[in-house]
Amino acid sequence: VWRLFTEGKCSEIVDAIITDSLHLSEALRSIHVGLLCVQLCPDDRPNMSSVVLMLSSESALPQPNMPGFFTSKSMVGDSSSSSSYKQYTNNGMTLSVMSAR
């Protein structure tokens, strides 16, 4: 999603059944707001009241920064099939679950 957004190809994410320009613009706006909500720096993320305002108005949205968890693909070999892509990420996550005694 992030890569397509930065390349200006965000409409490729939206289901083809959404052909009405009004619904498409709503879907693209929702994707944009979603990317604002997952920015790497928590201080850059909007609070919920701002999200509601962004989704319910037509005001201009700020450009999002890179998301906290971003997986990219790099080409391995010359083939263009999806099996020739290697996924990688520099992000890591640790999950701790606490339980009562």
PDB file of N, CA and C in Angstrom:
ATOM      1  N   VAL A   1       0.833  -1.179   0.000  1.00  0.00           N
ATOM      2  CA  VAL A   1       0.000   0.000   0.000  1.00  0.00           C
ATOM      3  C   VAL A   1       0.885   1.252   0.000  1.00  0.00           C
ATOM      4  N   TRP A   2       1.901   1.261   0.870  1.00  0.00           N
ATOM      5  CA  TRP A   2       2.775   2.432   0.964  1.00  0.00           C
ATOM      6  C   TRP A   2       3.466   2.715  -0.367  1.00  0.00           C
ATOM      7  N   ARG A   3       4.012   1.673  -0.984  1.00  0.00           N
ATOM      8  CA  ARG A   3       4.732   1.854  -2.243  1.00  0.00           C
ATOM      9  C   ARG A   3       3.793   2.407  -3.318  1.00  0.00           C
ATOM     10  N   LEU A   4       2.602   1.828  -3.442  1.00  0.00           N
ATOM     11  CA  LEU A   4       1.648   2.303  -4.444  1.00  0.00           C
ATOM     12  C   LEU A   4       1.204   3.729  -4.141  1.00  0.00           C
ATOM     13  N   PHE A   5       1.051   4.062  -2.866  1.00  0.00           N
ATOM     14  CA  PHE A   5       0.665   5.417  -2.487  1.00  0.00           C
ATOM     15  C   PHE A   5       1.737   6.416  -2.909  1.00  0.00           C
ATOM     16  N   THR A   6       2.994   6.102  -2.616  1.00  0.00           N
ATOM     17  CA  THR A   6       4.078   7.028  -2.952  1.00  0.00           C
ATOM     18  C   THR A   6       4.287   7.138  -4.456  1.00  0.00           C
ATOM     19  N   GLU A   7       3.901   6.103  -5.204  1.00  0.00           N
ATOM     20  CA  GLU A   7       4.019   6.135  -6.663  1.00  0.00           C
ATOM     21  C   GLU A   7       2.790   6.755  -7.327  1.00  0.00           C
ATOM     22  N   GLY A   8       1.794   7.152  -6.528  1.00  0.00           N
ATOM     23  CA  GLY A   8       0.582   7.743  -7.080  1.00  0.00           C
ATOM     24  C   GLY A   8      -0.338   6.726  -7.739  1.00  0.00           C
ATOM     25  N   LYS A   9      -0.201   5.464  -7.371  1.00  0.00           N
ATOM     26  CA  LYS A   9      -0.998   4.393  -7.971  1.00  0.00           C
ATOM     27  C   LYS A   9      -1.939   3.770  -6.945  1.00  0.00           C
ATOM     28  N   CYS A  10      -2.386   4.551  -6.007  1.00  0.00           N
ATOM     29  CA  CYS A  10      -3.203   4.043  -4.909  1.00  0.00           C
ATOM     30  C   CYS A  10      -4.520   3.439  -5.398  1.00  0.00           C
ATOM     31  N   SER A  11      -5.033   3.896  -6.526  1.00  0.00           N
ATOM     32  CA  SER A  11      -6.300   3.359  -7.033  1.00  0.00           C
ATOM     33  C   SER A  11      -6.180   1.887  -7.420  1.00  0.00           C
ATOM     34  N   GLU A  12      -4.957   1.381  -7.613  1.00  0.00           N
ATOM     35  CA  GLU A  12      -4.763  -0.036  -7.929  1.00  0.00           C
ATOM     36  C   GLU A  12      -5.101  -0.931  -6.738  1.00  0.00           C
ATOM     37  N   ILE A  13      -5.146  -0.372  -5.550  1.00  0.00           N
ATOM     38  CA  ILE A  13      -5.455  -1.126  -4.341  1.00  0.00           C
ATOM     39  C   ILE A  13      -6.957  -1.380  -4.239  1.00  0.00           C
ATOM     40  N   VAL A  14      -7.741  -0.426  -4.724  1.00  0.00           N
ATOM     41  CA  VAL A  14      -9.191  -0.453  -4.567  1.00  0.00           C
ATOM     42  C   VAL A  14      -9.803  -1.508  -5.485  1.00  0.00           C
ATOM     43  N   ASP A  15     -10.798  -2.222  -4.966  1.00  0.00           N
ATOM     44  CA  ASP A  15     -11.500  -3.250  -5.726  1.00  0.00           C
ATOM     45  C   ASP A  15     -12.097  -2.653  -6.998  1.00  0.00           C
ATOM     46  N   ALA A  16     -11.992  -3.378  -8.090  1.00  0.00           N
ATOM     47  CA  ALA A  16     -12.468  -2.905  -9.395  1.00  0.00           C
ATOM     48  C   ALA A  16     -13.974  -2.679  -9.418  1.00  0.00           C
ATOM     49  N   ILE A  17     -14.705  -3.261  -8.497  1.00  0.00           N
ATOM     50  CA  ILE A  17     -16.156  -3.087  -8.464  1.00  0.00           C
ATOM     51  C   ILE A  17     -16.539  -1.653  -8.090  1.00  0.00           C
ATOM     52  N   ILE A  18     -15.608  -0.938  -7.456  1.00  0.00           N
ATOM     53  CA  ILE A  18     -15.855   0.463  -7.088  1.00  0.00           C
ATOM     54  C   ILE A  18     -15.465   1.330  -8.278  1.00  0.00           C
ATOM     55  N   THR A  19     -16.438   1.584  -9.142  1.00  0.00           N
ATOM     56  CA  THR A  19     -16.153   2.374 -10.341  1.00  0.00           C
ATOM     57  C   THR A  19     -16.683   3.796 -10.227  1.00  0.00           C
ATOM     58  N   ASP A  20     -17.631   4.017  -9.346  1.00  0.00           N
ATOM     59  CA  ASP A  20     -18.183   5.346  -9.132  1.00  0.00           C
ATOM     60  C   ASP A  20     -17.085   6.245  -8.574  1.00  0.00           C
ATOM     61  N   SER A  21     -16.873   7.400  -9.191  1.00  0.00           N
ATOM     62  CA  SER A  21     -15.772   8.278  -8.776  1.00  0.00           C
ATOM     63  C   SER A  21     -15.932   8.766  -7.337  1.00  0.00           C
ATOM     64  N   LEU A  22     -17.175   8.922  -6.868  1.00  0.00           N
ATOM     65  CA  LEU A  22     -17.399   9.351  -5.491  1.00  0.00           C
ATOM     66  C   LEU A  22     -16.929   8.276  -4.519  1.00  0.00           C
ATOM     67  N   HIS A  23     -17.302   7.023  -4.792  1.00  0.00           N
ATOM     68  CA  HIS A  23     -16.883   5.930  -3.915  1.00  0.00           C
ATOM     69  C   HIS A  23     -15.372   5.708  -3.998  1.00  0.00           C
ATOM     70  N   LEU A  24     -14.806   5.868  -5.185  1.00  0.00           N
ATOM     71  CA  LEU A  24     -13.359   5.713  -5.345  1.00  0.00           C
ATOM     72  C   LEU A  24     -12.623   6.775  -4.540  1.00  0.00           C
ATOM     73  N   SER A  25     -13.089   8.016  -4.597  1.00  0.00           N
ATOM     74  CA  SER A  25     -12.415   9.079  -3.843  1.00  0.00           C
ATOM     75  C   SER A  25     -12.532   8.843  -2.338  1.00  0.00           C
ATOM     76  N   GLU A  26     -13.670   8.285  -1.885  1.00  0.00           N
ATOM     77  CA  GLU A  26     -13.818   7.954  -0.464  1.00  0.00           C
ATOM     78  C   GLU A  26     -12.852   6.842  -0.063  1.00  0.00           C
ATOM     79  N   ALA A  27     -12.702   5.844  -0.922  1.00  0.00           N
ATOM     80  CA  ALA A  27     -11.778   4.740  -0.637  1.00  0.00           C
ATOM     81  C   ALA A  27     -10.343   5.250  -0.585  1.00  0.00           C
ATOM     82  N   LEU A  28      -9.969   6.101  -1.534  1.00  0.00           N
ATOM     83  CA  LEU A  28      -8.610   6.646  -1.564  1.00  0.00           C
ATOM     84  C   LEU A  28      -8.346   7.527  -0.346  1.00  0.00           C
ATOM     85  N   ARG A  29      -9.352   8.278   0.075  1.00  0.00           N
ATOM     86  CA  ARG A  29      -9.204   9.118   1.267  1.00  0.00           C
ATOM     87  C   ARG A  29      -9.033   8.242   2.511  1.00  0.00           C
ATOM     88  N   SER A  30      -9.773   7.149   2.576  1.00  0.00           N
ATOM     89  CA  SER A  30      -9.652   6.225   3.711  1.00  0.00           C
ATOM     90  C   SER A  30      -8.263   5.602   3.769  1.00  0.00           C
ATOM     91  N   ILE A  31      -7.714   5.248   2.617  1.00  0.00           N
ATOM     92  CA  ILE A  31      -6.356   4.696   2.560  1.00  0.00           C
ATOM     93  C   ILE A  31      -5.352   5.737   3.041  1.00  0.00           C
ATOM     94  N   HIS A  32      -5.521   6.974   2.580  1.00  0.00           N
ATOM     95  CA  HIS A  32      -4.629   8.068   2.969  1.00  0.00           C
ATOM     96  C   HIS A  32      -4.664   8.264   4.491  1.00  0.00           C
ATOM     97  N   VAL A  33      -5.865   8.318   5.058  1.00  0.00           N
ATOM     98  CA  VAL A  33      -6.004   8.493   6.508  1.00  0.00           C
ATOM     99  C   VAL A  33      -5.410   7.291   7.237  1.00  0.00           C
ATOM    100  N   GLY A  34      -5.623   6.094   6.707  1.00  0.00           N
ATOM    101  CA  GLY A  34      -5.040   4.899   7.309  1.00  0.00           C
ATOM    102  C   GLY A  34      -3.529   4.971   7.362  1.00  0.00           C
ATOM    103  N   LEU A  35      -2.919   5.470   6.294  1.00  0.00           N
ATOM    104  CA  LEU A  35      -1.459   5.615   6.277  1.00  0.00           C
ATOM    105  C   LEU A  35      -0.988   6.665   7.280  1.00  0.00           C
ATOM    106  N   LEU A  36      -1.793   7.695   7.497  1.00  0.00           N
ATOM    107  CA  LEU A  36      -1.451   8.683   8.525  1.00  0.00           C
ATOM    108  C   LEU A  36      -1.471   8.043   9.915  1.00  0.00           C
ATOM    109  N   CYS A  37      -2.342   7.055  10.107  1.00  0.00           N
ATOM    110  CA  CYS A  37      -2.504   6.412  11.421  1.00  0.00           C
ATOM    111  C   CYS A  37      -1.406   5.410  11.751  1.00  0.00           C
ATOM    112  N   VAL A  38      -0.633   4.992  10.767  1.00  0.00           N
ATOM    113  CA  VAL A  38       0.398   3.970  11.022  1.00  0.00           C
ATOM    114  C   VAL A  38       1.809   4.498  10.780  1.00  0.00           C
ATOM    115  N   GLN A  39       1.982   5.818  10.825  1.00  0.00           N
ATOM    116  CA  GLN A  39       3.303   6.404  10.619  1.00  0.00           C
ATOM    117  C   GLN A  39       4.280   5.911  11.681  1.00  0.00           C
ATOM    118  N   LEU A  40       5.547   5.852  11.303  1.00  0.00           N
ATOM    119  CA  LEU A  40       6.597   5.336  12.178  1.00  0.00           C
ATOM    120  C   LEU A  40       6.642   6.058  13.521  1.00  0.00           C
ATOM    121  N   CYS A  41       6.623   7.362  13.498  1.00  0.00           N
ATOM    122  CA  CYS A  41       6.690   8.156  14.733  1.00  0.00           C
ATOM    123  C   CYS A  41       5.274   8.355  15.296  1.00  0.00           C
ATOM    124  N   PRO A  42       5.004   7.848  16.489  1.00  0.00           N
ATOM    125  CA  PRO A  42       3.663   7.987  17.069  1.00  0.00           C
ATOM    126  C   PRO A  42       3.196   9.436  17.199  1.00  0.00           C
ATOM    127  N   ASP A  43       4.129  10.365  17.388  1.00  0.00           N
ATOM    128  CA  ASP A  43       3.750  11.776  17.510  1.00  0.00           C
ATOM    129  C   ASP A  43       3.185  12.335  16.208  1.00  0.00           C
ATOM    130  N   ASP A  44       3.506  11.706  15.078  1.00  0.00           N
ATOM    131  CA  ASP A  44       3.001  12.153  13.781  1.00  0.00           C
ATOM    132  C   ASP A  44       1.598  11.631  13.492  1.00  0.00           C
ATOM    133  N   ARG A  45       1.163  10.621  14.231  1.00  0.00           N
ATOM    134  CA  ARG A  45      -0.138   9.992  13.985  1.00  0.00           C
ATOM    135  C   ARG A  45      -1.265  10.872  14.507  1.00  0.00           C
ATOM    136  N   PRO A  46      -2.370  10.954  13.772  1.00  0.00           N
ATOM    137  CA  PRO A  46      -3.504  11.754  14.249  1.00  0.00           C
ATOM    138  C   PRO A  46      -4.237  11.046  15.386  1.00  0.00           C
ATOM    139  N   ASN A  47      -4.879  11.847  16.257  1.00  0.00           N
ATOM    140  CA  ASN A  47      -5.718  11.241  17.296  1.00  0.00           C
ATOM    141  C   ASN A  47      -7.077  10.892  16.681  1.00  0.00           C
ATOM    142  N   MET A  48      -7.899  10.171  17.418  1.00  0.00           N
ATOM    143  CA  MET A  48      -9.149   9.669  16.849  1.00  0.00           C
ATOM    144  C   MET A  48     -10.110  10.778  16.433  1.00  0.00           C
ATOM    145  N   SER A  49     -10.165  11.863  17.185  1.00  0.00           N
ATOM    146  CA  SER A  49     -11.066  12.949  16.791  1.00  0.00           C
ATOM    147  C   SER A  49     -10.607  13.568  15.474  1.00  0.00           C
ATOM    148  N   SER A  50      -9.303  13.639  15.254  1.00  0.00           N
ATOM    149  CA  SER A  50      -8.784  14.140  13.977  1.00  0.00           C
ATOM    150  C   SER A  50      -9.113  13.181  12.840  1.00  0.00           C
ATOM    151  N   VAL A  51      -9.032  11.871  13.116  1.00  0.00           N
ATOM    152  CA  VAL A  51      -9.356  10.863  12.099  1.00  0.00           C
ATOM    153  C   VAL A  51     -10.816  10.995  11.680  1.00  0.00           C
ATOM    154  N   VAL A  52     -11.711  11.138  12.649  1.00  0.00           N
ATOM    155  CA  VAL A  52     -13.137  11.295  12.346  1.00  0.00           C
ATOM    156  C   VAL A  52     -13.355  12.544  11.508  1.00  0.00           C
ATOM    157  N   LEU A  53     -12.702  13.640  11.861  1.00  0.00           N
ATOM    158  CA  LEU A  53     -12.823  14.883  11.108  1.00  0.00           C
ATOM    159  C   LEU A  53     -12.290  14.719   9.685  1.00  0.00           C
ATOM    160  N   MET A  54     -11.142  14.051   9.541  1.00  0.00           N
ATOM    161  CA  MET A  54     -10.558  13.837   8.211  1.00  0.00           C
ATOM    162  C   MET A  54     -11.477  12.999   7.326  1.00  0.00           C
ATOM    163  N   LEU A  55     -12.100  11.977   7.907  1.00  0.00           N
ATOM    164  CA  LEU A  55     -12.958  11.092   7.122  1.00  0.00           C
ATOM    165  C   LEU A  55     -14.308  11.718   6.792  1.00  0.00           C
ATOM    166  N   SER A  56     -14.751  12.664   7.606  1.00  0.00           N
ATOM    167  CA  SER A  56     -16.072  13.252   7.392  1.00  0.00           C
ATOM    168  C   SER A  56     -16.031  14.589   6.663  1.00  0.00           C
ATOM    169  N   SER A  57     -14.848  15.069   6.317  1.00  0.00           N
ATOM    170  CA  SER A  57     -14.748  16.353   5.623  1.00  0.00           C
ATOM    171  C   SER A  57     -13.971  16.188   4.320  1.00  0.00           C
ATOM    172  N   GLU A  58     -13.917  17.251   3.580  1.00  0.00           N
ATOM    173  CA  GLU A  58     -13.175  17.252   2.314  1.00  0.00           C
ATOM    174  C   GLU A  58     -11.893  18.077   2.420  1.00  0.00           C
ATOM    175  N   SER A  59     -11.449  18.350   3.648  1.00  0.00           N
ATOM    176  CA  SER A  59     -10.255  19.177   3.834  1.00  0.00           C
ATOM    177  C   SER A  59      -9.007  18.453   3.324  1.00  0.00           C
ATOM    178  N   ALA A  60      -7.990  19.245   3.014  1.00  0.00           N
ATOM    179  CA  ALA A  60      -6.729  18.676   2.518  1.00  0.00           C
ATOM    180  C   ALA A  60      -6.063  17.863   3.624  1.00  0.00           C
ATOM    181  N   LEU A  61      -5.465  16.740   3.229  1.00  0.00           N
ATOM    182  CA  LEU A  61      -4.790  15.867   4.189  1.00  0.00           C
ATOM    183  C   LEU A  61      -3.285  16.050   4.086  1.00  0.00           C
ATOM    184  N   PRO A  62      -2.579  15.971   5.223  1.00  0.00           N
ATOM    185  CA  PRO A  62      -1.111  16.043   5.166  1.00  0.00           C
ATOM    186  C   PRO A  62      -0.542  14.778   4.532  1.00  0.00           C
ATOM    187  N   GLN A  63       0.641  14.896   3.975  1.00  0.00           N
ATOM    188  CA  GLN A  63       1.308  13.725   3.403  1.00  0.00           C
ATOM    189  C   GLN A  63       1.803  12.836   4.534  1.00  0.00           C
ATOM    190  N   PRO A  64       1.520  11.535   4.473  1.00  0.00           N
ATOM    191  CA  PRO A  64       2.014  10.641   5.522  1.00  0.00           C
ATOM    192  C   PRO A  64       3.497  10.350   5.358  1.00  0.00           C
ATOM    193  N   ASN A  65       4.146  10.075   6.473  1.00  0.00           N
ATOM    194  CA  ASN A  65       5.528   9.597   6.457  1.00  0.00           C
ATOM    195  C   ASN A  65       5.498   8.078   6.356  1.00  0.00           C
ATOM    196  N   MET A  66       6.662   7.469   6.193  1.00  0.00           N
ATOM    197  CA  MET A  66       6.730   6.013   6.062  1.00  0.00           C
ATOM    198  C   MET A  66       6.076   5.331   7.262  1.00  0.00           C
ATOM    199  N   PRO A  67       5.325   4.259   7.007  1.00  0.00           N
ATOM    200  CA  PRO A  67       4.685   3.538   8.109  1.00  0.00           C
ATOM    201  C   PRO A  67       5.689   2.824   9.006  1.00  0.00           C
ATOM    202  N   GLY A  68       5.245   2.500  10.212  1.00  0.00           N
ATOM    203  CA  GLY A  68       6.106   1.824  11.176  1.00  0.00           C
ATOM    204  C   GLY A  68       6.536   0.447  10.725  1.00  0.00           C
ATOM    205  N   PHE A  69       5.655  -0.274  10.069  1.00  0.00           N
ATOM    206  CA  PHE A  69       5.994  -1.600   9.556  1.00  0.00           C
ATOM    207  C   PHE A  69       5.806  -1.576   8.056  1.00  0.00           C
ATOM    208  N   PHE A  70       6.910  -1.618   7.337  1.00  0.00           N
ATOM    209  CA  PHE A  70       6.886  -1.533   5.880  1.00  0.00           C
ATOM    210  C   PHE A  70       7.699  -2.681   5.328  1.00  0.00           C
ATOM    211  N   THR A  71       7.075  -3.520   4.508  1.00  0.00           N
ATOM    212  CA  THR A  71       7.756  -4.639   3.875  1.00  0.00           C
ATOM    213  C   THR A  71       7.923  -4.318   2.409  1.00  0.00           C
ATOM    214  N   SER A  72       9.127  -4.423   1.944  1.00  0.00           N
ATOM    215  CA  SER A  72       9.416  -4.153   0.543  1.00  0.00           C
ATOM    216  C   SER A  72       9.783  -5.453  -0.137  1.00  0.00           C
ATOM    217  N   LYS A  73       9.773  -5.440  -1.454  1.00  0.00           N
ATOM    218  CA  LYS A  73      10.192  -6.616  -2.215  1.00  0.00           C
ATOM    219  C   LYS A  73      11.343  -6.208  -3.116  1.00  0.00           C
ATOM    220  N   SER A  74      12.306  -7.093  -3.255  1.00  0.00           N
ATOM    221  CA  SER A  74      13.398  -6.829  -4.178  1.00  0.00           C
ATOM    222  C   SER A  74      13.450  -7.956  -5.185  1.00  0.00           C
ATOM    223  N   MET A  75      13.881  -7.650  -6.377  1.00  0.00           N
ATOM    224  CA  MET A  75      13.926  -8.613  -7.463  1.00  0.00           C
ATOM    225  C   MET A  75      15.115  -9.546  -7.295  1.00  0.00           C
ATOM    226  N   VAL A  76      14.897 -10.839  -7.475  1.00  0.00           N
ATOM    227  CA  VAL A  76      15.954 -11.837  -7.450  1.00  0.00           C
ATOM    228  C   VAL A  76      15.903 -12.551  -8.791  1.00  0.00           C
ATOM    229  N   GLY A  77      16.947 -12.462  -9.580  1.00  0.00           N
ATOM    230  CA  GLY A  77      16.940 -13.086 -10.906  1.00  0.00           C
ATOM    231  C   GLY A  77      16.290 -12.187 -11.937  1.00  0.00           C
ATOM    232  N   ASP A  78      16.069 -12.724 -13.130  1.00  0.00           N
ATOM    233  CA  ASP A  78      15.530 -11.939 -14.231  1.00  0.00           C
ATOM    234  C   ASP A  78      14.041 -12.154 -14.456  1.00  0.00           C
ATOM    235  N   SER A  79      13.459 -13.183 -13.879  1.00  0.00           N
ATOM    236  CA  SER A  79      12.060 -13.501 -14.114  1.00  0.00           C
ATOM    237  C   SER A  79      11.162 -12.469 -13.450  1.00  0.00           C
ATOM    238  N   SER A  80      10.005 -12.203 -14.058  1.00  0.00           N
ATOM    239  CA  SER A  80       9.085 -11.233 -13.476  1.00  0.00           C
ATOM    240  C   SER A  80       7.958 -11.909 -12.708  1.00  0.00           C
ATOM    241  N   SER A  81       8.012 -13.212 -12.533  1.00  0.00           N
ATOM    242  CA  SER A  81       6.962 -13.899 -11.784  1.00  0.00           C
ATOM    243  C   SER A  81       7.100 -13.584 -10.300  1.00  0.00           C
ATOM    244  N   SER A  82       5.981 -13.695  -9.587  1.00  0.00           N
ATOM    245  CA  SER A  82       5.994 -13.354  -8.163  1.00  0.00           C
ATOM    246  C   SER A  82       6.889 -14.285  -7.358  1.00  0.00           C
ATOM    247  N   SER A  83       7.171 -15.472  -7.877  1.00  0.00           N
ATOM    248  CA  SER A  83       8.031 -16.387  -7.133  1.00  0.00           C
ATOM    249  C   SER A  83       9.486 -15.941  -7.144  1.00  0.00           C
ATOM    250  N   SER A  84       9.822 -14.965  -7.990  1.00  0.00           N
ATOM    251  CA  SER A  84      11.200 -14.497  -8.056  1.00  0.00           C
ATOM    252  C   SER A  84      11.458 -13.319  -7.122  1.00  0.00           C
ATOM    253  N   TYR A  85      10.452 -12.918  -6.363  1.00  0.00           N
ATOM    254  CA  TYR A  85      10.626 -11.823  -5.426  1.00  0.00           C
ATOM    255  C   TYR A  85      11.031 -12.360  -4.067  1.00  0.00           C
ATOM    256  N   LYS A  86      11.892 -11.618  -3.410  1.00  0.00           N
ATOM    257  CA  LYS A  86      12.321 -11.981  -2.065  1.00  0.00           C
ATOM    258  C   LYS A  86      11.813 -10.904  -1.116  1.00  0.00           C
ATOM    259  N   GLN A  87      11.044 -11.291  -0.126  1.00  0.00           N
ATOM    260  CA  GLN A  87      10.544 -10.321   0.833  1.00  0.00           C
ATOM    261  C   GLN A  87      11.577 -10.099   1.922  1.00  0.00           C
ATOM    262  N   TYR A  88      11.682  -8.852   2.361  1.00  0.00           N
ATOM    263  CA  TYR A  88      12.565  -8.543   3.474  1.00  0.00           C
ATOM    264  C   TYR A  88      12.012  -7.354   4.232  1.00  0.00           C
ATOM    265  N   THR A  89      12.402  -7.243   5.467  1.00  0.00           N
ATOM    266  CA  THR A  89      12.017  -6.110   6.290  1.00  0.00           C
ATOM    267  C   THR A  89      13.076  -5.913   7.367  1.00  0.00           C
ATOM    268  N   ASN A  90      13.235  -4.690   7.798  1.00  0.00           N
ATOM    269  CA  ASN A  90      14.169  -4.380   8.873  1.00  0.00           C
ATOM    270  C   ASN A  90      13.448  -4.256  10.206  1.00  0.00           C
ATOM    271  N   ASN A  91      12.144  -4.442  10.188  1.00  0.00           N
ATOM    272  CA  ASN A  91      11.352  -4.281  11.394  1.00  0.00           C
ATOM    273  C   ASN A  91      11.309  -5.579  12.188  1.00  0.00           C
ATOM    274  N   GLY A  92      11.188  -5.458  13.479  1.00  0.00           N
ATOM    275  CA  GLY A  92      11.046  -6.617  14.345  1.00  0.00           C
ATOM    276  C   GLY A  92       9.991  -6.327  15.392  1.00  0.00           C
ATOM    277  N   MET A  93       9.451  -7.368  15.970  1.00  0.00           N
ATOM    278  CA  MET A  93       8.431  -7.169  16.974  1.00  0.00           C
ATOM    279  C   MET A  93       8.547  -8.267  18.017  1.00  0.00           C
ATOM    280  N   THR A  94       8.418  -7.887  19.269  1.00  0.00           N
ATOM    281  CA  THR A  94       8.398  -8.840  20.368  1.00  0.00           C
ATOM    282  C   THR A  94       7.050  -8.719  21.053  1.00  0.00           C
ATOM    283  N   LEU A  95       6.439  -9.843  21.342  1.00  0.00           N
ATOM    284  CA  LEU A  95       5.136  -9.850  21.993  1.00  0.00           C
ATOM    285  C   LEU A  95       5.245 -10.616  23.297  1.00  0.00           C
ATOM    286  N   SER A  96       4.857  -9.984  24.385  1.00  0.00           N
ATOM    287  CA  SER A  96       4.859 -10.634  25.699  1.00  0.00           C
ATOM    288  C   SER A  96       3.427 -10.737  26.188  1.00  0.00           C
ATOM    289  N   VAL A  97       3.046 -11.908  26.618  1.00  0.00           N
ATOM    290  CA  VAL A  97       1.700 -12.119  27.137  1.00  0.00           C
ATOM    291  C   VAL A  97       1.808 -12.408  28.623  1.00  0.00           C
ATOM    292  N   MET A  98       1.091 -11.630  29.407  1.00  0.00           N
ATOM    293  CA  MET A  98       1.113 -11.826  30.855  1.00  0.00           C
ATOM    294  C   MET A  98      -0.151 -12.568  31.256  1.00  0.00           C
ATOM    295  N   SER A  99      -0.019 -13.482  32.178  1.00  0.00           N
ATOM    296  CA  SER A  99      -1.195 -14.203  32.672  1.00  0.00           C
ATOM    297  C   SER A  99      -1.160 -14.231  34.197  1.00  0.00           C
ATOM    298  N   ALA A 100      -2.343 -14.297  34.776  1.00  0.00           N
ATOM    299  CA  ALA A 100      -2.455 -14.323  36.239  1.00  0.00           C
ATOM    300  C   ALA A 100      -2.057 -15.691  36.770  1.00  0.00           C
ATOM    301  N   ARG A 101      -1.602 -15.712  37.993  1.00  0.00           N
ATOM    302  CA  ARG A 101      -1.215 -16.994  38.611  1.00  0.00           C
ATOM    303  C   ARG A 101      -2.413 -17.781  39.050  1.00  0.00           C
TER     304      ARG A 101
END
